[in-house]
Amino acid sequence: MGPYRNLTTLTAAVLFLHPNCQVLNHAGDRIFDNSEVNFLSGYTRDKFNNFISYAAKISSGGKRGDYGGSITYSHAFDSNRPISSIINNHRQNLLKEKIDCLYWKESLRTSNFIKDNNINLEFIFEKEERLRFLMPVRNPLDSAKSNLITGHAYRFHSINKSSGIEDVVKAILEELYWFATYKRRFPERFFYYFENNISYEMIENLADFLKLEKDKNWLLNAKSAMVTVSSYKHDNTLIDFYRKTVERQFAGMNDLQEKLLSFYPY
């Protein structure tokens, strides 16, 4: 879940490095428009099993972009990215022999589908113990600027051609707030991590959340690959807007508020 340009591709690429994690990149049309595998709409256990089988199958092929498929077609695996050298040194099968976790990276589109269709996640959680939701948290101002530059900002229902960066910042924070309200209710089903707090401990917590073995080689590779560099500069007016919005919107969520403010401490 979460906005585009929010470390979701990096997260998916790192999970792909795990010997027992299969990753499907995008492919929303092929999932949401297929009533036999769209488990969110009219959930049944058979649908969920069909989704797992189908998603694993198409995750070993496909192409870049919304059509989706293998995460190796994504920009995270371009030759100038740190993870590309790790992949070259530690070859992974496109379809893992033993799959303990299937990670589907279709973040904002999934959030929008759940909201637009009033999906009852509580009902699904009661029936399905395997379902989890994951949200990386990139510096929200960097994410907002990147979303505007790439045009992904318009995937938010609240954003249009007249929207400015403050509107996109608000949309990103609203998405996180929505996720956090679910995390409060279902703490074992929702997990987020923060760009400025990537560590071995965080990666181990991620593995625990996804019920993946804490493979030592994977932990080392994951930490090496999870390198982010910000190239954006933001003026003080925008930073002040961000701080005030976080303080207002996340009042009562003290831990989350503190982590968000840590991107731009006073």
C-alpha atoms as a PDB file:
ATOM      1  CA  MET A   1       0.000   0.000   0.000  1.00  0.00           C
ATOM      2  CA  GLY A   2       0.954   3.643  -0.105  1.00  0.00           C
ATOM      3  CA  PRO A   3       1.785   6.129  -2.860  1.00  0.00           C
ATOM      4  CA  TYR A   4       3.986   5.557  -5.856  1.00  0.00           C
ATOM      5  CA  ARG A   5       7.603   6.763  -5.617  1.00  0.00           C
ATOM      6  CA  ASN A   6       7.679   5.567  -2.022  1.00  0.00           C
ATOM      7  CA  LEU A   7      10.409   2.888  -1.947  1.00  0.00           C
ATOM      8  CA  THR A   8       7.929   0.188  -2.922  1.00  0.00           C
ATOM      9  CA  THR A   9      10.084  -0.961  -5.842  1.00  0.00           C
ATOM     10  CA  LEU A  10      13.225  -1.052  -3.722  1.00  0.00           C
ATOM     11  CA  THR A  11      11.347  -3.030  -1.064  1.00  0.00           C
ATOM     12  CA  ALA A  12      10.070  -5.492  -3.654  1.00  0.00           C
ATOM     13  CA  ALA A  13      13.547  -5.886  -5.144  1.00  0.00           C
ATOM     14  CA  VAL A  14      15.061  -6.569  -1.722  1.00  0.00           C
ATOM     15  CA  LEU A  15      12.397  -9.156  -0.969  1.00  0.00           C
ATOM     16  CA  PHE A  16      13.093 -10.780  -4.343  1.00  0.00           C
ATOM     17  CA  LEU A  17      16.644 -11.409  -3.092  1.00  0.00           C
ATOM     18  CA  HIS A  18      15.234 -13.733  -0.428  1.00  0.00           C
ATOM     19  CA  PRO A  19      15.421 -17.354  -1.597  1.00  0.00           C
ATOM     20  CA  ASN A  20      11.854 -18.070  -0.474  1.00  0.00           C
ATOM     21  CA  CYS A  21      10.040 -14.854  -1.428  1.00  0.00           C
ATOM     22  CA  GLN A  22       8.272 -14.523  -4.776  1.00  0.00           C
ATOM     23  CA  VAL A  23       7.504 -10.997  -5.994  1.00  0.00           C
ATOM     24  CA  LEU A  24       4.869  -9.818  -8.464  1.00  0.00           C
ATOM     25  CA  ASN A  25       5.301  -6.284  -9.795  1.00  0.00           C
ATOM     26  CA  HIS A  26       2.102  -4.385 -10.724  1.00  0.00           C
ATOM     27  CA  ALA A  27      -0.261  -6.389 -13.023  1.00  0.00           C
ATOM     28  CA  GLY A  28      -3.305  -4.771 -11.393  1.00  0.00           C
ATOM     29  CA  ASP A  29      -5.482  -5.106 -14.507  1.00  0.00           C
ATOM     30  CA  ARG A  30      -4.763  -8.807 -14.692  1.00  0.00           C
ATOM     31  CA  ILE A  31      -5.690  -9.282 -11.021  1.00  0.00           C
ATOM     32  CA  PHE A  32      -8.534  -6.863 -10.315  1.00  0.00           C
ATOM     33  CA  ASP A  33     -10.350  -7.612 -13.588  1.00  0.00           C
ATOM     34  CA  ASN A  34     -10.204 -11.380 -13.052  1.00  0.00           C
ATOM     35  CA  SER A  35     -13.034 -12.517 -10.778  1.00  0.00           C
ATOM     36  CA  GLU A  36     -11.352 -15.889 -10.208  1.00  0.00           C
ATOM     37  CA  VAL A  37      -8.258 -14.348  -8.587  1.00  0.00           C
ATOM     38  CA  ASN A  38      -9.442 -10.984  -7.221  1.00  0.00           C
ATOM     39  CA  PHE A  39      -9.716 -12.158  -3.613  1.00  0.00           C
ATOM     40  CA  LEU A  40     -10.506  -8.671  -2.292  1.00  0.00           C
ATOM     41  CA  SER A  41     -13.825  -8.679  -4.126  1.00  0.00           C
ATOM     42  CA  GLY A  42     -16.017 -11.453  -2.765  1.00  0.00           C
ATOM     43  CA  TYR A  43     -13.288 -13.171  -0.784  1.00  0.00           C
ATOM     44  CA  THR A  44     -13.149 -16.959  -0.635  1.00  0.00           C
ATOM     45  CA  ARG A  45     -10.212 -19.150   0.320  1.00  0.00           C
ATOM     46  CA  ASP A  46     -10.274 -20.681  -3.148  1.00  0.00           C
ATOM     47  CA  LYS A  47      -9.962 -17.220  -4.709  1.00  0.00           C
ATOM     48  CA  PHE A  48      -7.011 -16.432  -2.482  1.00  0.00           C
ATOM     49  CA  ASN A  49      -5.313 -19.696  -3.428  1.00  0.00           C
ATOM     50  CA  ASN A  50      -6.029 -18.972  -7.099  1.00  0.00           C
ATOM     51  CA  PHE A  51      -4.470 -15.535  -6.667  1.00  0.00           C
ATOM     52  CA  ILE A  52      -1.310 -16.999  -5.158  1.00  0.00           C
ATOM     53  CA  SER A  53      -0.928 -19.543  -7.963  1.00  0.00           C
ATOM     54  CA  TYR A  54      -1.677 -17.037 -10.716  1.00  0.00           C
ATOM     55  CA  ALA A  55       0.480 -14.261  -9.260  1.00  0.00           C
ATOM     56  CA  ALA A  56       3.440 -16.614  -8.844  1.00  0.00           C
ATOM     57  CA  LYS A  57       3.027 -17.812 -12.428  1.00  0.00           C
ATOM     58  CA  ILE A  58       2.951 -14.364 -14.044  1.00  0.00           C
ATOM     59  CA  SER A  59       5.718 -13.044 -11.762  1.00  0.00           C
ATOM     60  CA  SER A  60       8.369 -14.925 -13.753  1.00  0.00           C
ATOM     61  CA  GLY A  61       7.601 -13.096 -17.020  1.00  0.00           C
ATOM     62  CA  GLY A  62       5.787  -9.976 -18.149  1.00  0.00           C
ATOM     63  CA  LYS A  63       7.262  -6.580 -18.877  1.00  0.00           C
ATOM     64  CA  ARG A  64       7.975  -3.173 -17.400  1.00  0.00           C
ATOM     65  CA  GLY A  65       5.168  -0.798 -16.448  1.00  0.00           C
ATOM     66  CA  ASP A  66       1.576  -1.358 -15.413  1.00  0.00           C
ATOM     67  CA  TYR A  67       1.301  -4.677 -17.263  1.00  0.00           C
ATOM     68  CA  GLY A  68       3.808  -5.977 -14.753  1.00  0.00           C
ATOM     69  CA  GLY A  69       5.302  -9.343 -13.987  1.00  0.00           C
ATOM     70  CA  SER A  70       8.803  -9.959 -12.759  1.00  0.00           C
ATOM     71  CA  ILE A  71      10.256  -7.303 -10.486  1.00  0.00           C
ATOM     72  CA  THR A  72      13.531  -7.682 -12.423  1.00  0.00           C
ATOM     73  CA  TYR A  73      11.998  -5.571 -15.208  1.00  0.00           C
ATOM     74  CA  SER A  74      11.663  -2.616 -12.830  1.00  0.00           C
ATOM     75  CA  HIS A  75      13.965   0.396 -12.580  1.00  0.00           C
ATOM     76  CA  ALA A  76      15.473  -0.987  -9.360  1.00  0.00           C
ATOM     77  CA  PHE A  77      17.424  -3.448 -11.481  1.00  0.00           C
ATOM     78  CA  ASP A  78      18.880  -0.896 -13.897  1.00  0.00           C
ATOM     79  CA  SER A  79      22.645  -1.276 -14.193  1.00  0.00           C
ATOM     80  CA  ASN A  80      23.345   1.935 -12.248  1.00  0.00           C
ATOM     81  CA  ARG A  81      21.451   0.723  -9.160  1.00  0.00           C
ATOM     82  CA  PRO A  82      23.271  -0.850  -6.180  1.00  0.00           C
ATOM     83  CA  ILE A  83      21.000  -3.867  -6.205  1.00  0.00           C
ATOM     84  CA  SER A  84      21.935  -4.835  -9.778  1.00  0.00           C
ATOM     85  CA  SER A  85      25.460  -5.857  -8.757  1.00  0.00           C
ATOM     86  CA  ILE A  86      24.068  -7.872  -5.848  1.00  0.00           C
ATOM     87  CA  ILE A  87      21.752  -9.719  -8.220  1.00  0.00           C
ATOM     88  CA  ASN A  88      24.625 -10.437 -10.594  1.00  0.00           C
ATOM     89  CA  ASN A  89      26.646 -11.918  -7.740  1.00  0.00           C
ATOM     90  CA  HIS A  90      23.760 -13.868  -6.223  1.00  0.00           C
ATOM     91  CA  ARG A  91      21.653 -15.222  -9.055  1.00  0.00           C
ATOM     92  CA  GLN A  92      18.023 -15.847  -8.185  1.00  0.00           C
ATOM     93  CA  ASN A  93      15.570 -18.011 -10.091  1.00  0.00           C
ATOM     94  CA  LEU A  94      12.710 -15.938 -11.461  1.00  0.00           C
ATOM     95  CA  LEU A  95      10.367 -18.528  -9.951  1.00  0.00           C
ATOM     96  CA  LYS A  96      11.558 -19.764  -6.565  1.00  0.00           C
ATOM     97  CA  GLU A  97      11.565 -23.489  -5.865  1.00  0.00           C
ATOM     98  CA  LYS A  98      10.093 -22.999  -2.386  1.00  0.00           C
ATOM     99  CA  ILE A  99       7.804 -20.016  -1.836  1.00  0.00           C
ATOM    100  CA  ASP A 100       7.053 -19.060   1.761  1.00  0.00           C
ATOM    101  CA  CYS A 101       5.893 -15.529   0.963  1.00  0.00           C
ATOM    102  CA  LEU A 102       4.335 -13.932  -2.107  1.00  0.00           C
ATOM    103  CA  TYR A 103       4.734 -10.138  -2.205  1.00  0.00           C
ATOM    104  CA  TRP A 104       2.498  -8.249  -4.620  1.00  0.00           C
ATOM    105  CA  LYS A 105       3.683  -4.709  -5.296  1.00  0.00           C
ATOM    106  CA  GLU A 106       0.641  -2.754  -6.473  1.00  0.00           C
ATOM    107  CA  SER A 107       0.531  -0.121  -3.765  1.00  0.00           C
ATOM    108  CA  LEU A 108      -1.769   2.847  -4.363  1.00  0.00           C
ATOM    109  CA  ARG A 109      -3.961   0.976  -6.791  1.00  0.00           C
ATOM    110  CA  THR A 110      -4.715  -1.597  -4.101  1.00  0.00           C
ATOM    111  CA  SER A 111      -5.479   1.119  -1.545  1.00  0.00           C
ATOM    112  CA  ASN A 112      -7.789   2.843  -4.023  1.00  0.00           C
ATOM    113  CA  PHE A 113      -9.565  -0.421  -4.821  1.00  0.00           C
ATOM    114  CA  ILE A 114     -10.180  -1.143  -1.143  1.00  0.00           C
ATOM    115  CA  LYS A 115     -11.539   2.370  -0.523  1.00  0.00           C
ATOM    116  CA  ASP A 116     -13.564   2.656  -3.735  1.00  0.00           C
ATOM    117  CA  ASN A 117     -15.245  -0.692  -3.204  1.00  0.00           C
ATOM    118  CA  ASN A 118     -15.691  -0.486   0.574  1.00  0.00           C
ATOM    119  CA  ILE A 119     -13.814  -3.740   1.028  1.00  0.00           C
ATOM    120  CA  ASN A 120     -14.357  -5.205   4.497  1.00  0.00           C
ATOM    121  CA  LEU A 121     -10.809  -6.116   5.493  1.00  0.00           C
ATOM    122  CA  GLU A 122     -11.908  -7.222   8.957  1.00  0.00           C
ATOM    123  CA  PHE A 123     -14.089  -9.909   7.385  1.00  0.00           C
ATOM    124  CA  ILE A 124     -11.205 -11.085   5.188  1.00  0.00           C
ATOM    125  CA  PHE A 125      -8.779 -11.138   8.122  1.00  0.00           C
ATOM    126  CA  GLU A 126     -11.207 -13.323  10.078  1.00  0.00           C
ATOM    127  CA  LYS A 127     -11.137 -15.865   7.241  1.00  0.00           C
ATOM    128  CA  GLU A 128      -7.597 -15.492   5.926  1.00  0.00           C
ATOM    129  CA  GLU A 129      -4.613 -15.708   8.260  1.00  0.00           C
ATOM    130  CA  ARG A 130      -2.030 -15.332   5.473  1.00  0.00           C
ATOM    131  CA  LEU A 131      -2.877 -11.799   4.310  1.00  0.00           C
ATOM    132  CA  ARG A 132      -0.537  -8.917   5.264  1.00  0.00           C
ATOM    133  CA  PHE A 133      -0.100  -5.298   4.103  1.00  0.00           C
ATOM    134  CA  LEU A 134       3.224  -3.486   3.888  1.00  0.00           C
ATOM    135  CA  MET A 135       3.998   0.212   3.427  1.00  0.00           C
ATOM    136  CA  PRO A 136       7.457   1.780   3.165  1.00  0.00           C
ATOM    137  CA  VAL A 137       7.630   5.446   4.185  1.00  0.00           C
ATOM    138  CA  ARG A 138       9.950   7.582   2.110  1.00  0.00           C
ATOM    139  CA  ASN A 139      10.629  11.195   3.060  1.00  0.00           C
ATOM    140  CA  PRO A 140       7.111  12.503   2.263  1.00  0.00           C
ATOM    141  CA  LEU A 141       8.373  15.726   0.668  1.00  0.00           C
ATOM    142  CA  ASP A 142      10.728  13.823  -1.630  1.00  0.00           C
ATOM    143  CA  SER A 143       7.919  11.416  -2.437  1.00  0.00           C
ATOM    144  CA  ALA A 144       5.538  14.280  -3.228  1.00  0.00           C
ATOM    145  CA  LYS A 145       7.982  16.001  -5.559  1.00  0.00           C
ATOM    146  CA  SER A 146       8.812  12.729  -7.315  1.00  0.00           C
ATOM    147  CA  ASN A 147       5.108  11.944  -7.739  1.00  0.00           C
ATOM    148  CA  LEU A 148       4.549  15.321  -9.384  1.00  0.00           C
ATOM    149  CA  ILE A 149       7.538  14.959 -11.706  1.00  0.00           C
ATOM    150  CA  THR A 150       6.532  11.471 -12.861  1.00  0.00           C
ATOM    151  CA  GLY A 151       2.802  12.166 -13.061  1.00  0.00           C
ATOM    152  CA  HIS A 152       2.006   9.420 -10.557  1.00  0.00           C
ATOM    153  CA  ALA A 153       0.454  12.049  -8.283  1.00  0.00           C
ATOM    154  CA  TYR A 154      -2.662  11.944 -10.456  1.00  0.00           C
ATOM    155  CA  ARG A 155      -3.335   8.391  -9.290  1.00  0.00           C
ATOM    156  CA  PHE A 156      -4.558   9.968  -6.061  1.00  0.00           C
ATOM    157  CA  HIS A 157      -8.264  10.670  -6.476  1.00  0.00           C
ATOM    158  CA  SER A 158      -7.838  14.054  -4.777  1.00  0.00           C
ATOM    159  CA  ILE A 159      -5.136  15.314  -7.167  1.00  0.00           C
ATOM    160  CA  ASN A 160      -5.745  17.059 -10.486  1.00  0.00           C
ATOM    161  CA  LYS A 161      -3.896  19.366 -12.868  1.00  0.00           C
ATOM    162  CA  SER A 162      -4.415  22.378 -10.620  1.00  0.00           C
ATOM    163  CA  SER A 163      -2.977  20.659  -7.528  1.00  0.00           C
ATOM    164  CA  GLY A 164       0.330  21.836  -6.098  1.00  0.00           C
ATOM    165  CA  ILE A 165       2.971  20.085  -4.059  1.00  0.00           C
ATOM    166  CA  GLU A 166       1.219  20.870  -0.762  1.00  0.00           C
ATOM    167  CA  ASP A 167      -1.850  18.999  -2.033  1.00  0.00           C
ATOM    168  CA  VAL A 168       0.301  15.989  -2.881  1.00  0.00           C
ATOM    169  CA  VAL A 169       1.983  16.090   0.532  1.00  0.00           C
ATOM    170  CA  LYS A 170      -1.478  16.076   2.141  1.00  0.00           C
ATOM    171  CA  ALA A 171      -2.567  13.131  -0.033  1.00  0.00           C
ATOM    172  CA  ILE A 172       0.530  11.140   0.951  1.00  0.00           C
ATOM    173  CA  LEU A 173       0.021  11.845   4.648  1.00  0.00           C
ATOM    174  CA  GLU A 174      -3.670  10.983   4.390  1.00  0.00           C
ATOM    175  CA  GLU A 175      -2.718   7.653   2.823  1.00  0.00           C
ATOM    176  CA  LEU A 176      -0.334   6.949   5.682  1.00  0.00           C
ATOM    177  CA  TYR A 177      -2.961   7.958   8.241  1.00  0.00           C
ATOM    178  CA  TRP A 178      -5.457   5.573   6.644  1.00  0.00           C
ATOM    179  CA  PHE A 179      -2.887   2.774   6.798  1.00  0.00           C
ATOM    180  CA  ALA A 180      -1.986   3.631  10.403  1.00  0.00           C
ATOM    181  CA  THR A 181      -5.623   3.434  11.530  1.00  0.00           C
ATOM    182  CA  TYR A 182      -5.738  -0.117  10.228  1.00  0.00           C
ATOM    183  CA  LYS A 183      -2.407  -0.905  11.863  1.00  0.00           C
ATOM    184  CA  ARG A 184      -3.843   0.176  15.204  1.00  0.00           C
ATOM    185  CA  ARG A 185      -6.726  -2.261  14.795  1.00  0.00           C
ATOM    186  CA  PHE A 186      -4.734  -5.113  13.249  1.00  0.00           C
ATOM    187  CA  PRO A 187      -1.092  -4.681  14.325  1.00  0.00           C
ATOM    188  CA  GLU A 188      -0.046  -8.132  13.112  1.00  0.00           C
ATOM    189  CA  ARG A 189      -1.422  -7.465   9.618  1.00  0.00           C
ATOM    190  CA  PHE A 190       0.121  -4.054   8.859  1.00  0.00           C
ATOM    191  CA  PHE A 191       3.777  -3.035   8.844  1.00  0.00           C
ATOM    192  CA  TYR A 192       5.568   0.140   7.885  1.00  0.00           C
ATOM    193  CA  TYR A 193       9.199   1.163   7.965  1.00  0.00           C
ATOM    194  CA  PHE A 194      10.868   4.533   7.491  1.00  0.00           C
ATOM    195  CA  GLU A 195      13.525   5.520   4.984  1.00  0.00           C
ATOM    196  CA  ASN A 196      15.602   7.248   7.672  1.00  0.00           C
ATOM    197  CA  ASN A 197      15.507   4.235   9.973  1.00  0.00           C
ATOM    198  CA  ILE A 198      16.707   1.359   7.783  1.00  0.00           C
ATOM    199  CA  SER A 199      18.780  -1.104   9.820  1.00  0.00           C
ATOM    200  CA  TYR A 200      19.414  -4.815  10.303  1.00  0.00           C
ATOM    201  CA  GLU A 201      16.838  -4.780  13.081  1.00  0.00           C
ATOM    202  CA  MET A 202      14.223  -3.261  10.798  1.00  0.00           C
ATOM    203  CA  ILE A 203      14.932  -5.864   8.092  1.00  0.00           C
ATOM    204  CA  GLU A 204      14.716  -8.649  10.682  1.00  0.00           C
ATOM    205  CA  ASN A 205      11.369  -7.224  11.839  1.00  0.00           C
ATOM    206  CA  LEU A 206      10.207  -7.196   8.232  1.00  0.00           C
ATOM    207  CA  ALA A 207      11.183 -10.857   7.871  1.00  0.00           C
ATOM    208  CA  ASP A 208       9.272 -11.722  11.050  1.00  0.00           C
ATOM    209  CA  PHE A 209       6.224  -9.843   9.796  1.00  0.00           C
ATOM    210  CA  LEU A 210       6.266 -11.736   6.492  1.00  0.00           C
ATOM    211  CA  LYS A 211       7.125 -15.018   8.215  1.00  0.00           C
ATOM    212  CA  LEU A 212      10.342 -15.354   6.240  1.00  0.00           C
ATOM    213  CA  GLU A 213      13.438 -17.090   7.522  1.00  0.00           C
ATOM    214  CA  LYS A 214      16.093 -14.589   8.613  1.00  0.00           C
ATOM    215  CA  ASP A 215      18.629 -15.910   6.123  1.00  0.00           C
ATOM    216  CA  LYS A 216      22.035 -14.401   6.967  1.00  0.00           C
ATOM    217  CA  ASN A 217      23.107 -13.837   3.360  1.00  0.00           C
ATOM    218  CA  TRP A 218      19.797 -12.194   2.576  1.00  0.00           C
ATOM    219  CA  LEU A 219      20.063  -9.888   5.588  1.00  0.00           C
ATOM    220  CA  LEU A 220      23.512  -8.754   4.456  1.00  0.00           C
ATOM    221  CA  ASN A 221      22.394  -8.266   0.855  1.00  0.00           C
ATOM    222  CA  ALA A 222      19.216  -6.497   1.914  1.00  0.00           C
ATOM    223  CA  LYS A 223      21.093  -4.014   4.081  1.00  0.00           C
ATOM    224  CA  SER A 224      23.586  -3.363   1.266  1.00  0.00           C
ATOM    225  CA  ALA A 225      20.822  -2.849  -1.264  1.00  0.00           C
ATOM    226  CA  MET A 226      18.608  -0.580   0.823  1.00  0.00           C
ATOM    227  CA  VAL A 227      20.529   2.568   0.043  1.00  0.00           C
ATOM    228  CA  THR A 228      18.584   5.753  -0.630  1.00  0.00           C
ATOM    229  CA  VAL A 229      19.956   9.148  -1.613  1.00  0.00           C
ATOM    230  CA  SER A 230      17.838  12.289  -1.726  1.00  0.00           C
ATOM    231  CA  SER A 231      18.508  14.746  -4.543  1.00  0.00           C
ATOM    232  CA  TYR A 232      15.655  17.104  -3.646  1.00  0.00           C
ATOM    233  CA  LYS A 233      15.770  20.417  -1.834  1.00  0.00           C
ATOM    234  CA  HIS A 234      12.661  21.884  -0.218  1.00  0.00           C
ATOM    235  CA  ASP A 235      12.057  25.450   0.882  1.00  0.00           C
ATOM    236  CA  ASN A 236      11.287  26.365   4.466  1.00  0.00           C
ATOM    237  CA  THR A 237       7.678  27.231   3.670  1.00  0.00           C
ATOM    238  CA  LEU A 238       6.980  23.690   2.468  1.00  0.00           C
ATOM    239  CA  ILE A 239       8.855  22.150   5.404  1.00  0.00           C
ATOM    240  CA  ASP A 240       6.829  24.270   7.824  1.00  0.00           C
ATOM    241  CA  PHE A 241       3.611  23.198   6.085  1.00  0.00           C
ATOM    242  CA  TYR A 242       4.689  19.564   6.409  1.00  0.00           C
ATOM    243  CA  ARG A 243       5.455  19.871  10.129  1.00  0.00           C
ATOM    244  CA  LYS A 244       2.155  21.567  10.928  1.00  0.00           C
ATOM    245  CA  THR A 245       0.189  19.032   8.886  1.00  0.00           C
ATOM    246  CA  VAL A 246       1.896  16.114  10.628  1.00  0.00           C
ATOM    247  CA  GLU A 247       1.322  17.649  14.066  1.00  0.00           C
ATOM    248  CA  ARG A 248      -2.367  18.174  13.333  1.00  0.00           C
ATOM    249  CA  GLN A 249      -3.176  14.988  11.445  1.00  0.00           C
ATOM    250  CA  PHE A 250      -1.235  12.560  13.659  1.00  0.00           C
ATOM    251  CA  ALA A 251      -2.203  14.017  17.014  1.00  0.00           C
ATOM    252  CA  GLY A 252      -2.848  10.993  19.198  1.00  0.00           C
ATOM    253  CA  MET A 253      -0.438   8.835  17.199  1.00  0.00           C
ATOM    254  CA  ASN A 254       2.617  10.034  19.067  1.00  0.00           C
ATOM    255  CA  ASP A 255       5.119   7.424  17.892  1.00  0.00           C
ATOM    256  CA  LEU A 256       4.173   7.804  14.234  1.00  0.00           C
ATOM    257  CA  GLN A 257       4.082  11.582  14.538  1.00  0.00           C
ATOM    258  CA  GLU A 258       7.580  11.590  16.026  1.00  0.00           C
ATOM    259  CA  LYS A 259       8.943   9.401  13.226  1.00  0.00           C
ATOM    260  CA  LEU A 260       7.437  11.624  10.549  1.00  0.00           C
ATOM    261  CA  LEU A 261       8.782  14.775  12.186  1.00  0.00           C
ATOM    262  CA  SER A 262      12.237  13.191  12.368  1.00  0.00           C
ATOM    263  CA  PHE A 263      12.615  13.828   8.629  1.00  0.00           C
ATOM    264  CA  TYR A 264      12.672  17.566   9.425  1.00  0.00           C
ATOM    265  CA  PRO A 265      13.348  18.033  13.166  1.00  0.00           C
ATOM    266  CA  TYR A 266      12.931  21.491  14.643  1.00  0.00           C
END
